[in-house]
Amino acid sequence: MDHRGERRTSSDFHGKWLLLYFGFTHCPDICPDEMEKLAEVVDRLRASLARMGGGVSKGGKKEEVVPLFITVDPERDGVKVGEDVFIFFCALLTS
């Protein structure tokens, strides 16, 4: 389930580069720092794809880098909390 409460499956991400982060949102000491590092990696990968032809693969499809936060505490990390994490993470991205 994503941050909007919509069910997602592996087919939603077919052909995309995925960066997986396993964590929980009630983690004030480590997770925000690690998410900041992940955002920097996403920015760098997106910039590299842009330099290598605008992120377009040989097949003509646009390549995407998709960061996925997967909770290890689904009982506490509901949709509202996931939405807050999504907003926080997007604010860290520069591209």
PDB file of N, CA and C in Angstrom:
ATOM      1  N   MET A   1       0.841  -1.162   0.000  1.00  0.00           N
ATOM      2  CA  MET A   1       0.000   0.000   0.000  1.00  0.00           C
ATOM      3  C   MET A   1       0.898   1.239   0.000  1.00  0.00           C
ATOM      4  N   ASP A   2       0.514   2.207  -0.816  1.00  0.00           N
ATOM      5  CA  ASP A   2       1.342   3.415  -0.868  1.00  0.00           C
ATOM      6  C   ASP A   2       0.843   4.470   0.122  1.00  0.00           C
ATOM      7  N   HIS A   3       1.441   5.643   0.051  1.00  0.00           N
ATOM      8  CA  HIS A   3       1.113   6.716   0.994  1.00  0.00           C
ATOM      9  C   HIS A   3      -0.282   7.302   0.786  1.00  0.00           C
ATOM     10  N   ARG A   4      -0.952   6.912  -0.304  1.00  0.00           N
ATOM     11  CA  ARG A   4      -2.333   7.339  -0.542  1.00  0.00           C
ATOM     12  C   ARG A   4      -3.337   6.236  -0.204  1.00  0.00           C
ATOM     13  N   GLY A   5      -2.832   5.099   0.296  1.00  0.00           N
ATOM     14  CA  GLY A   5      -3.700   3.978   0.633  1.00  0.00           C
ATOM     15  C   GLY A   5      -4.020   3.077  -0.540  1.00  0.00           C
ATOM     16  N   GLU A   6      -3.339   3.273  -1.665  1.00  0.00           N
ATOM     17  CA  GLU A   6      -3.583   2.471  -2.858  1.00  0.00           C
ATOM     18  C   GLU A   6      -2.662   1.253  -2.858  1.00  0.00           C
ATOM     19  N   ARG A   7      -3.241   0.108  -3.241  1.00  0.00           N
ATOM     20  CA  ARG A   7      -2.465  -1.127  -3.307  1.00  0.00           C
ATOM     21  C   ARG A   7      -1.485  -1.045  -4.470  1.00  0.00           C
ATOM     22  N   ARG A   8      -0.242  -1.409  -4.211  1.00  0.00           N
ATOM     23  CA  ARG A   8       0.809  -1.414  -5.239  1.00  0.00           C
ATOM     24  C   ARG A   8       1.358  -2.820  -5.371  1.00  0.00           C
ATOM     25  N   THR A   9       1.753  -3.187  -6.576  1.00  0.00           N
ATOM     26  CA  THR A   9       2.357  -4.492  -6.828  1.00  0.00           C
ATOM     27  C   THR A   9       3.664  -4.290  -7.580  1.00  0.00           C
ATOM     28  N   SER A  10       4.425  -5.355  -7.714  1.00  0.00           N
ATOM     29  CA  SER A  10       5.715  -5.258  -8.406  1.00  0.00           C
ATOM     30  C   SER A  10       5.545  -4.799  -9.853  1.00  0.00           C
ATOM     31  N   SER A  11       4.417  -5.098 -10.475  1.00  0.00           N
ATOM     32  CA  SER A  11       4.219  -4.682 -11.870  1.00  0.00           C
ATOM     33  C   SER A  11       4.132  -3.156 -12.008  1.00  0.00           C
ATOM     34  N   ASP A  12       3.775  -2.460 -10.924  1.00  0.00           N
ATOM     35  CA  ASP A  12       3.751  -0.994 -10.958  1.00  0.00           C
ATOM     36  C   ASP A  12       5.143  -0.408 -11.164  1.00  0.00           C
ATOM     37  N   PHE A  13       6.156  -1.178 -10.865  1.00  0.00           N
ATOM     38  CA  PHE A  13       7.528  -0.670 -10.918  1.00  0.00           C
ATOM     39  C   PHE A  13       8.371  -1.350 -11.993  1.00  0.00           C
ATOM     40  N   HIS A  14       7.730  -2.123 -12.854  1.00  0.00           N
ATOM     41  CA  HIS A  14       8.464  -2.842 -13.899  1.00  0.00           C
ATOM     42  C   HIS A  14       9.221  -1.855 -14.792  1.00  0.00           C
ATOM     43  N   GLY A  15      10.491  -2.145 -15.006  1.00  0.00           N
ATOM     44  CA  GLY A  15      11.326  -1.315 -15.859  1.00  0.00           C
ATOM     45  C   GLY A  15      11.906  -0.085 -15.184  1.00  0.00           C
ATOM     46  N   LYS A  16      11.708   0.049 -13.895  1.00  0.00           N
ATOM     47  CA  LYS A  16      12.232   1.207 -13.173  1.00  0.00           C
ATOM     48  C   LYS A  16      13.363   0.780 -12.250  1.00  0.00           C
ATOM     49  N   TRP A  17      14.268   1.689 -11.983  1.00  0.00           N
ATOM     50  CA  TRP A  17      15.322   1.457 -10.998  1.00  0.00           C
ATOM     51  C   TRP A  17      14.731   1.716  -9.626  1.00  0.00           C
ATOM     52  N   LEU A  18      14.817   0.750  -8.740  1.00  0.00           N
ATOM     53  CA  LEU A  18      14.253   0.886  -7.405  1.00  0.00           C
ATOM     54  C   LEU A  18      15.358   0.968  -6.357  1.00  0.00           C
ATOM     55  N   LEU A  19      15.184   1.881  -5.426  1.00  0.00           N
ATOM     56  CA  LEU A  19      16.049   1.967  -4.257  1.00  0.00           C
ATOM     57  C   LEU A  19      15.169   1.674  -3.057  1.00  0.00           C
ATOM     58  N   LEU A  20      15.409   0.566  -2.412  1.00  0.00           N
ATOM     59  CA  LEU A  20      14.572   0.146  -1.298  1.00  0.00           C
ATOM     60  C   LEU A  20      15.167   0.584   0.033  1.00  0.00           C
ATOM     61  N   TYR A  21      14.294   1.100   0.890  1.00  0.00           N
ATOM     62  CA  TYR A  21      14.697   1.464   2.240  1.00  0.00           C
ATOM     63  C   TYR A  21      13.712   0.800   3.194  1.00  0.00           C
ATOM     64  N   PHE A  22      14.203  -0.041   4.052  1.00  0.00           N
ATOM     65  CA  PHE A  22      13.380  -0.698   5.058  1.00  0.00           C
ATOM     66  C   PHE A  22      13.576   0.022   6.379  1.00  0.00           C
ATOM     67  N   GLY A  23      12.492   0.462   6.987  1.00  0.00           N
ATOM     68  CA  GLY A  23      12.601   1.185   8.248  1.00  0.00           C
ATOM     69  C   GLY A  23      11.243   1.345   8.887  1.00  0.00           C
ATOM     70  N   PHE A  24      11.182   2.235   9.840  1.00  0.00           N
ATOM     71  CA  PHE A  24       9.922   2.553  10.482  1.00  0.00           C
ATOM     72  C   PHE A  24       9.914   4.032  10.803  1.00  0.00           C
ATOM     73  N   THR A  25       8.728   4.603  10.861  1.00  0.00           N
ATOM     74  CA  THR A  25       8.636   6.055  10.980  1.00  0.00           C
ATOM     75  C   THR A  25       8.847   6.565  12.396  1.00  0.00           C
ATOM     76  N   HIS A  26       8.728   5.700  13.381  1.00  0.00           N
ATOM     77  CA  HIS A  26       8.950   6.106  14.774  1.00  0.00           C
ATOM     78  C   HIS A  26      10.417   5.862  15.137  1.00  0.00           C
ATOM     79  N   CYS A  27      11.283   6.506  14.389  1.00  0.00           N
ATOM     80  CA  CYS A  27      12.723   6.284  14.486  1.00  0.00           C
ATOM     81  C   CYS A  27      13.396   7.657  14.394  1.00  0.00           C
ATOM     82  N   PRO A  28      13.382   8.438  15.445  1.00  0.00           N
ATOM     83  CA  PRO A  28      13.835   9.819  15.351  1.00  0.00           C
ATOM     84  C   PRO A  28      15.346  10.009  15.195  1.00  0.00           C
ATOM     85  N   ASP A  29      16.144   8.995  15.526  1.00  0.00           N
ATOM     86  CA  ASP A  29      17.588   9.187  15.530  1.00  0.00           C
ATOM     87  C   ASP A  29      18.284   8.794  14.233  1.00  0.00           C
ATOM     88  N   ILE A  30      17.856   7.693  13.632  1.00  0.00           N
ATOM     89  CA  ILE A  30      18.595   7.146  12.499  1.00  0.00           C
ATOM     90  C   ILE A  30      17.869   7.352  11.172  1.00  0.00           C
ATOM     91  N   CYS A  31      16.588   7.023  11.115  1.00  0.00           N
ATOM     92  CA  CYS A  31      15.858   7.020   9.844  1.00  0.00           C
ATOM     93  C   CYS A  31      15.887   8.358   9.100  1.00  0.00           C
ATOM     94  N   PRO A  32      15.655   9.502   9.760  1.00  0.00           N
ATOM     95  CA  PRO A  32      15.718  10.760   9.001  1.00  0.00           C
ATOM     96  C   PRO A  32      17.079  10.993   8.352  1.00  0.00           C
ATOM     97  N   ASP A  33      18.149  10.664   9.042  1.00  0.00           N
ATOM     98  CA  ASP A  33      19.488  10.816   8.464  1.00  0.00           C
ATOM     99  C   ASP A  33      19.675   9.895   7.270  1.00  0.00           C
ATOM    100  N   GLU A  34      19.197   8.659   7.404  1.00  0.00           N
ATOM    101  CA  GLU A  34      19.341   7.697   6.308  1.00  0.00           C
ATOM    102  C   GLU A  34      18.476   8.085   5.118  1.00  0.00           C
ATOM    103  N   MET A  35      17.296   8.624   5.378  1.00  0.00           N
ATOM    104  CA  MET A  35      16.442   9.082   4.277  1.00  0.00           C
ATOM    105  C   MET A  35      17.071  10.282   3.568  1.00  0.00           C
ATOM    106  N   GLU A  36      17.764  11.107   4.318  1.00  0.00           N
ATOM    107  CA  GLU A  36      18.466  12.231   3.703  1.00  0.00           C
ATOM    108  C   GLU A  36      19.569  11.720   2.773  1.00  0.00           C
ATOM    109  N   LYS A  37      20.284  10.683   3.205  1.00  0.00           N
ATOM    110  CA  LYS A  37      21.318  10.072   2.357  1.00  0.00           C
ATOM    111  C   LYS A  37      20.697   9.460   1.109  1.00  0.00           C
ATOM    112  N   LEU A  38      19.551   8.788   1.284  1.00  0.00           N
ATOM    113  CA  LEU A  38      18.858   8.181   0.147  1.00  0.00           C
ATOM    114  C   LEU A  38      18.418   9.249  -0.849  1.00  0.00           C
ATOM    115  N   ALA A  39      17.922  10.374  -0.351  1.00  0.00           N
ATOM    116  CA  ALA A  39      17.515  11.469  -1.233  1.00  0.00           C
ATOM    117  C   ALA A  39      18.697  11.979  -2.046  1.00  0.00           C
ATOM    118  N   GLU A  40      19.862  12.064  -1.413  1.00  0.00           N
ATOM    119  CA  GLU A  40      21.060  12.501  -2.135  1.00  0.00           C
ATOM    120  C   GLU A  40      21.439  11.510  -3.234  1.00  0.00           C
ATOM    121  N   VAL A  41      21.327  10.223  -2.940  1.00  0.00           N
ATOM    122  CA  VAL A  41      21.611   9.196  -3.949  1.00  0.00           C
ATOM    123  C   VAL A  41      20.628   9.315  -5.113  1.00  0.00           C
ATOM    124  N   VAL A  42      19.342   9.497  -4.812  1.00  0.00           N
ATOM    125  CA  VAL A  42      18.334   9.651  -5.860  1.00  0.00           C
ATOM    126  C   VAL A  42      18.657  10.858  -6.723  1.00  0.00           C
ATOM    127  N   ASP A  43      18.991  11.976  -6.101  1.00  0.00           N
ATOM    128  CA  ASP A  43      19.362  13.178  -6.860  1.00  0.00           C
ATOM    129  C   ASP A  43      20.552  12.909  -7.776  1.00  0.00           C
ATOM    130  N   ARG A  44      21.562  12.245  -7.268  1.00  0.00           N
ATOM    131  CA  ARG A  44      22.758  11.971  -8.075  1.00  0.00           C
ATOM    132  C   ARG A  44      22.449  11.024  -9.231  1.00  0.00           C
ATOM    133  N   LEU A  45      21.655   9.996  -8.959  1.00  0.00           N
ATOM    134  CA  LEU A  45      21.291   9.055 -10.033  1.00  0.00           C
ATOM    135  C   LEU A  45      20.462   9.743 -11.112  1.00  0.00           C
ATOM    136  N   ARG A  46      19.523  10.564 -10.696  1.00  0.00           N
ATOM    137  CA  ARG A  46      18.700  11.284 -11.678  1.00  0.00           C
ATOM    138  C   ARG A  46      19.551  12.235 -12.507  1.00  0.00           C
ATOM    139  N   ALA A  47      20.506  12.884 -11.881  1.00  0.00           N
ATOM    140  CA  ALA A  47      21.397  13.789 -12.611  1.00  0.00           C
ATOM    141  C   ALA A  47      22.256  13.000 -13.597  1.00  0.00           C
ATOM    142  N   SER A  48      22.740  11.835 -13.174  1.00  0.00           N
ATOM    143  CA  SER A  48      23.541  10.993 -14.072  1.00  0.00           C
ATOM    144  C   SER A  48      22.720  10.517 -15.254  1.00  0.00           C
ATOM    145  N   LEU A  49      21.491  10.100 -15.001  1.00  0.00           N
ATOM    146  CA  LEU A  49      20.620   9.680 -16.107  1.00  0.00           C
ATOM    147  C   LEU A  49      20.390  10.834 -17.077  1.00  0.00           C
ATOM    148  N   ALA A  50      20.210  12.029 -16.561  1.00  0.00           N
ATOM    149  CA  ALA A  50      19.984  13.191 -17.416  1.00  0.00           C
ATOM    150  C   ALA A  50      21.198  13.475 -18.287  1.00  0.00           C
ATOM    151  N   ARG A  51      22.404  13.329 -17.701  1.00  0.00           N
ATOM    152  CA  ARG A  51      23.639  13.561 -18.472  1.00  0.00           C
ATOM    153  C   ARG A  51      23.847  12.496 -19.537  1.00  0.00           C
ATOM    154  N   MET A  52      23.290  11.324 -19.334  1.00  0.00           N
ATOM    155  CA  MET A  52      23.493  10.210 -20.266  1.00  0.00           C
ATOM    156  C   MET A  52      22.351  10.108 -21.274  1.00  0.00           C
ATOM    157  N   GLY A  53      21.764  11.225 -21.623  1.00  0.00           N
ATOM    158  CA  GLY A  53      20.743  11.183 -22.653  1.00  0.00           C
ATOM    159  C   GLY A  53      19.342  11.450 -22.142  1.00  0.00           C
ATOM    160  N   GLY A  54      19.253  12.168 -21.070  1.00  0.00           N
ATOM    161  CA  GLY A  54      17.945  12.555 -20.585  1.00  0.00           C
ATOM    162  C   GLY A  54      17.162  11.463 -19.897  1.00  0.00           C
ATOM    163  N   GLY A  55      17.838  10.381 -19.509  1.00  0.00           N
ATOM    164  CA  GLY A  55      17.129   9.326 -18.816  1.00  0.00           C
ATOM    165  C   GLY A  55      16.335   8.429 -19.733  1.00  0.00           C
ATOM    166  N   VAL A  56      16.688   8.393 -21.023  1.00  0.00           N
ATOM    167  CA  VAL A  56      15.955   7.559 -21.969  1.00  0.00           C
ATOM    168  C   VAL A  56      16.811   6.354 -22.338  1.00  0.00           C
ATOM    169  N   SER A  57      16.237   5.167 -22.229  1.00  0.00           N
ATOM    170  CA  SER A  57      16.958   3.943 -22.545  1.00  0.00           C
ATOM    171  C   SER A  57      16.956   3.703 -24.045  1.00  0.00           C
ATOM    172  N   LYS A  58      17.690   2.688 -24.493  1.00  0.00           N
ATOM    173  CA  LYS A  58      17.765   2.361 -25.915  1.00  0.00           C
ATOM    174  C   LYS A  58      16.404   1.994 -26.492  1.00  0.00           C
ATOM    175  N   GLY A  59      15.543   1.416 -25.680  1.00  0.00           N
ATOM    176  CA  GLY A  59      14.207   1.037 -26.139  1.00  0.00           C
ATOM    177  C   GLY A  59      13.252   2.208 -26.272  1.00  0.00           C
ATOM    178  N   GLY A  60      13.704   3.409 -25.948  1.00  0.00           N
ATOM    179  CA  GLY A  60      12.874   4.585 -26.076  1.00  0.00           C
ATOM    180  C   GLY A  60      12.061   4.909 -24.836  1.00  0.00           C
ATOM    181  N   LYS A  61      12.088   4.036 -23.837  1.00  0.00           N
ATOM    182  CA  LYS A  61      11.343   4.307 -22.609  1.00  0.00           C
ATOM    183  C   LYS A  61      12.196   5.154 -21.673  1.00  0.00           C
ATOM    184  N   LYS A  62      11.531   6.046 -20.972  1.00  0.00           N
ATOM    185  CA  LYS A  62      12.233   6.877 -19.994  1.00  0.00           C
ATOM    186  C   LYS A  62      12.552   6.035 -18.761  1.00  0.00           C
ATOM    187  N   GLU A  63      13.816   6.043 -18.373  1.00  0.00           N
ATOM    188  CA  GLU A  63      14.228   5.325 -17.178  1.00  0.00           C
ATOM    189  C   GLU A  63      13.951   6.198 -15.964  1.00  0.00           C
ATOM    190  N   GLU A  64      13.440   5.580 -14.921  1.00  0.00           N
ATOM    191  CA  GLU A  64      13.121   6.312 -13.700  1.00  0.00           C
ATOM    192  C   GLU A  64      13.848   5.696 -12.517  1.00  0.00           C
ATOM    193  N   VAL A  65      14.200   6.540 -11.569  1.00  0.00           N
ATOM    194  CA  VAL A  65      14.735   6.095 -10.287  1.00  0.00           C
ATOM    195  C   VAL A  65      13.627   6.316  -9.258  1.00  0.00           C
ATOM    196  N   VAL A  66      13.197   5.228  -8.623  1.00  0.00           N
ATOM    197  CA  VAL A  66      12.073   5.305  -7.689  1.00  0.00           C
ATOM    198  C   VAL A  66      12.533   4.840  -6.313  1.00  0.00           C
ATOM    199  N   PRO A  67      12.547   5.746  -5.326  1.00  0.00           N
ATOM    200  CA  PRO A  67      12.852   5.320  -3.958  1.00  0.00           C
ATOM    201  C   PRO A  67      11.586   4.750  -3.306  1.00  0.00           C
ATOM    202  N   LEU A  68      11.733   3.601  -2.651  1.00  0.00           N
ATOM    203  CA  LEU A  68      10.606   2.976  -1.956  1.00  0.00           C
ATOM    204  C   LEU A  68      10.947   2.810  -0.478  1.00  0.00           C
ATOM    205  N   PHE A  69      10.089   3.347   0.363  1.00  0.00           N
ATOM    206  CA  PHE A  69      10.219   3.161   1.806  1.00  0.00           C
ATOM    207  C   PHE A  69       9.285   2.017   2.172  1.00  0.00           C
ATOM    208  N   ILE A  70       9.825   0.959   2.714  1.00  0.00           N
ATOM    209  CA  ILE A  70       9.035  -0.199   3.130  1.00  0.00           C
ATOM    210  C   ILE A  70       9.111  -0.290   4.643  1.00  0.00           C
ATOM    211  N   THR A  71       7.953  -0.189   5.265  1.00  0.00           N
ATOM    212  CA  THR A  71       7.925  -0.200   6.725  1.00  0.00           C
ATOM    213  C   THR A  71       8.129  -1.605   7.281  1.00  0.00           C
ATOM    214  N   VAL A  72       8.800  -1.658   8.393  1.00  0.00           N
ATOM    215  CA  VAL A  72       8.928  -2.914   9.142  1.00  0.00           C
ATOM    216  C   VAL A  72       8.021  -2.869  10.375  1.00  0.00           C
ATOM    217  N   ASP A  73       7.186  -1.823  10.451  1.00  0.00           N
ATOM    218  CA  ASP A  73       6.253  -1.655  11.569  1.00  0.00           C
ATOM    219  C   ASP A  73       4.892  -1.211  11.020  1.00  0.00           C
ATOM    220  N   PRO A  74       4.220  -2.081  10.246  1.00  0.00           N
ATOM    221  CA  PRO A  74       2.973  -1.668   9.596  1.00  0.00           C
ATOM    222  C   PRO A  74       1.842  -1.337  10.555  1.00  0.00           C
ATOM    223  N   GLU A  75       1.884  -1.848  11.765  1.00  0.00           N
ATOM    224  CA  GLU A  75       0.816  -1.545  12.719  1.00  0.00           C
ATOM    225  C   GLU A  75       0.818  -0.073  13.127  1.00  0.00           C
ATOM    226  N   ARG A  76       1.997   0.536  13.242  1.00  0.00           N
ATOM    227  CA  ARG A  76       2.072   1.955  13.619  1.00  0.00           C
ATOM    228  C   ARG A  76       2.207   2.864  12.406  1.00  0.00           C
ATOM    229  N   ASP A  77       2.751   2.353  11.322  1.00  0.00           N
ATOM    230  CA  ASP A  77       2.984   3.166  10.133  1.00  0.00           C
ATOM    231  C   ASP A  77       1.802   3.049   9.172  1.00  0.00           C
ATOM    232  N   GLY A  78       0.735   3.762   9.475  1.00  0.00           N
ATOM    233  CA  GLY A  78      -0.450   3.743   8.625  1.00  0.00           C
ATOM    234  C   GLY A  78      -0.309   4.697   7.452  1.00  0.00           C
ATOM    235  N   VAL A  79      -1.404   4.860   6.714  1.00  0.00           N
ATOM    236  CA  VAL A  79      -1.405   5.701   5.521  1.00  0.00           C
ATOM    237  C   VAL A  79      -1.067   7.149   5.858  1.00  0.00           C
ATOM    238  N   LYS A  80      -1.642   7.712   6.914  1.00  0.00           N
ATOM    239  CA  LYS A  80      -1.373   9.111   7.273  1.00  0.00           C
ATOM    240  C   LYS A  80       0.108   9.315   7.600  1.00  0.00           C
ATOM    241  N   VAL A  81       0.663   8.399   8.348  1.00  0.00           N
ATOM    242  CA  VAL A  81       2.093   8.495   8.679  1.00  0.00           C
ATOM    243  C   VAL A  81       2.920   8.360   7.408  1.00  0.00           C
ATOM    244  N   GLY A  82       2.530   7.443   6.531  1.00  0.00           N
ATOM    245  CA  GLY A  82       3.237   7.260   5.258  1.00  0.00           C
ATOM    246  C   GLY A  82       3.194   8.509   4.402  1.00  0.00           C
ATOM    247  N   GLU A  83       2.063   9.197   4.420  1.00  0.00           N
ATOM    248  CA  GLU A  83       1.942  10.444   3.666  1.00  0.00           C
ATOM    249  C   GLU A  83       2.897  11.496   4.226  1.00  0.00           C
ATOM    250  N   ASP A  84       3.001  11.573   5.540  1.00  0.00           N
ATOM    251  CA  ASP A  84       3.933  12.524   6.166  1.00  0.00           C
ATOM    252  C   ASP A  84       5.380  12.207   5.786  1.00  0.00           C
ATOM    253  N   VAL A  85       5.739  10.924   5.775  1.00  0.00           N
ATOM    254  CA  VAL A  85       7.093  10.515   5.377  1.00  0.00           C
ATOM    255  C   VAL A  85       7.327  10.873   3.922  1.00  0.00           C
ATOM    256  N   PHE A  86       6.337  10.647   3.066  1.00  0.00           N
ATOM    257  CA  PHE A  86       6.449  10.980   1.645  1.00  0.00           C
ATOM    258  C   PHE A  86       6.718  12.475   1.461  1.00  0.00           C
ATOM    259  N   ILE A  87       5.968  13.319   2.155  1.00  0.00           N
ATOM    260  CA  ILE A  87       6.151  14.770   2.063  1.00  0.00           C
ATOM    261  C   ILE A  87       7.548  15.166   2.538  1.00  0.00           C
ATOM    262  N   PHE A  88       8.002  14.585   3.664  1.00  0.00           N
ATOM    263  CA  PHE A  88       9.327  14.852   4.191  1.00  0.00           C
ATOM    264  C   PHE A  88      10.402  14.455   3.174  1.00  0.00           C
ATOM    265  N   PHE A  89      10.266  13.249   2.603  1.00  0.00           N
ATOM    266  CA  PHE A  89      11.270  12.756   1.670  1.00  0.00           C
ATOM    267  C   PHE A  89      11.310  13.624   0.408  1.00  0.00           C
ATOM    268  N   CYS A  90      10.149  13.979  -0.126  1.00  0.00           N
ATOM    269  CA  CYS A  90      10.111  14.814  -1.331  1.00  0.00           C
ATOM    270  C   CYS A  90      10.769  16.173  -1.100  1.00  0.00           C
ATOM    271  N   ALA A  91      10.639  16.688   0.117  1.00  0.00           N
ATOM    272  CA  ALA A  91      11.272  17.963   0.434  1.00  0.00           C
ATOM    273  C   ALA A  91      12.794  17.858   0.409  1.00  0.00           C
ATOM    274  N   LEU A  92      13.315  16.653   0.623  1.00  0.00           N
ATOM    275  CA  LEU A  92      14.767  16.458   0.602  1.00  0.00           C
ATOM    276  C   LEU A  92      15.328  16.392  -0.812  1.00  0.00           C
ATOM    277  N   LEU A  93      14.496  15.995  -1.765  1.00  0.00           N
ATOM    278  CA  LEU A  93      14.956  15.859  -3.141  1.00  0.00           C
ATOM    279  C   LEU A  93      15.136  17.235  -3.787  1.00  0.00           C
ATOM    280  N   THR A  94      16.184  17.346  -4.607  1.00  0.00           N
ATOM    281  CA  THR A  94      16.389  18.609  -5.301  1.00  0.00           C
ATOM    282  C   THR A  94      16.002  18.513  -6.769  1.00  0.00           C
ATOM    283  N   SER A  95      15.851  17.284  -7.277  1.00  0.00           N
ATOM    284  CA  SER A  95      15.487  17.141  -8.689  1.00  0.00           C
ATOM    285  C   SER A  95      14.098  16.579  -8.826  1.00  0.00           C
TER     286      SER A  95
END
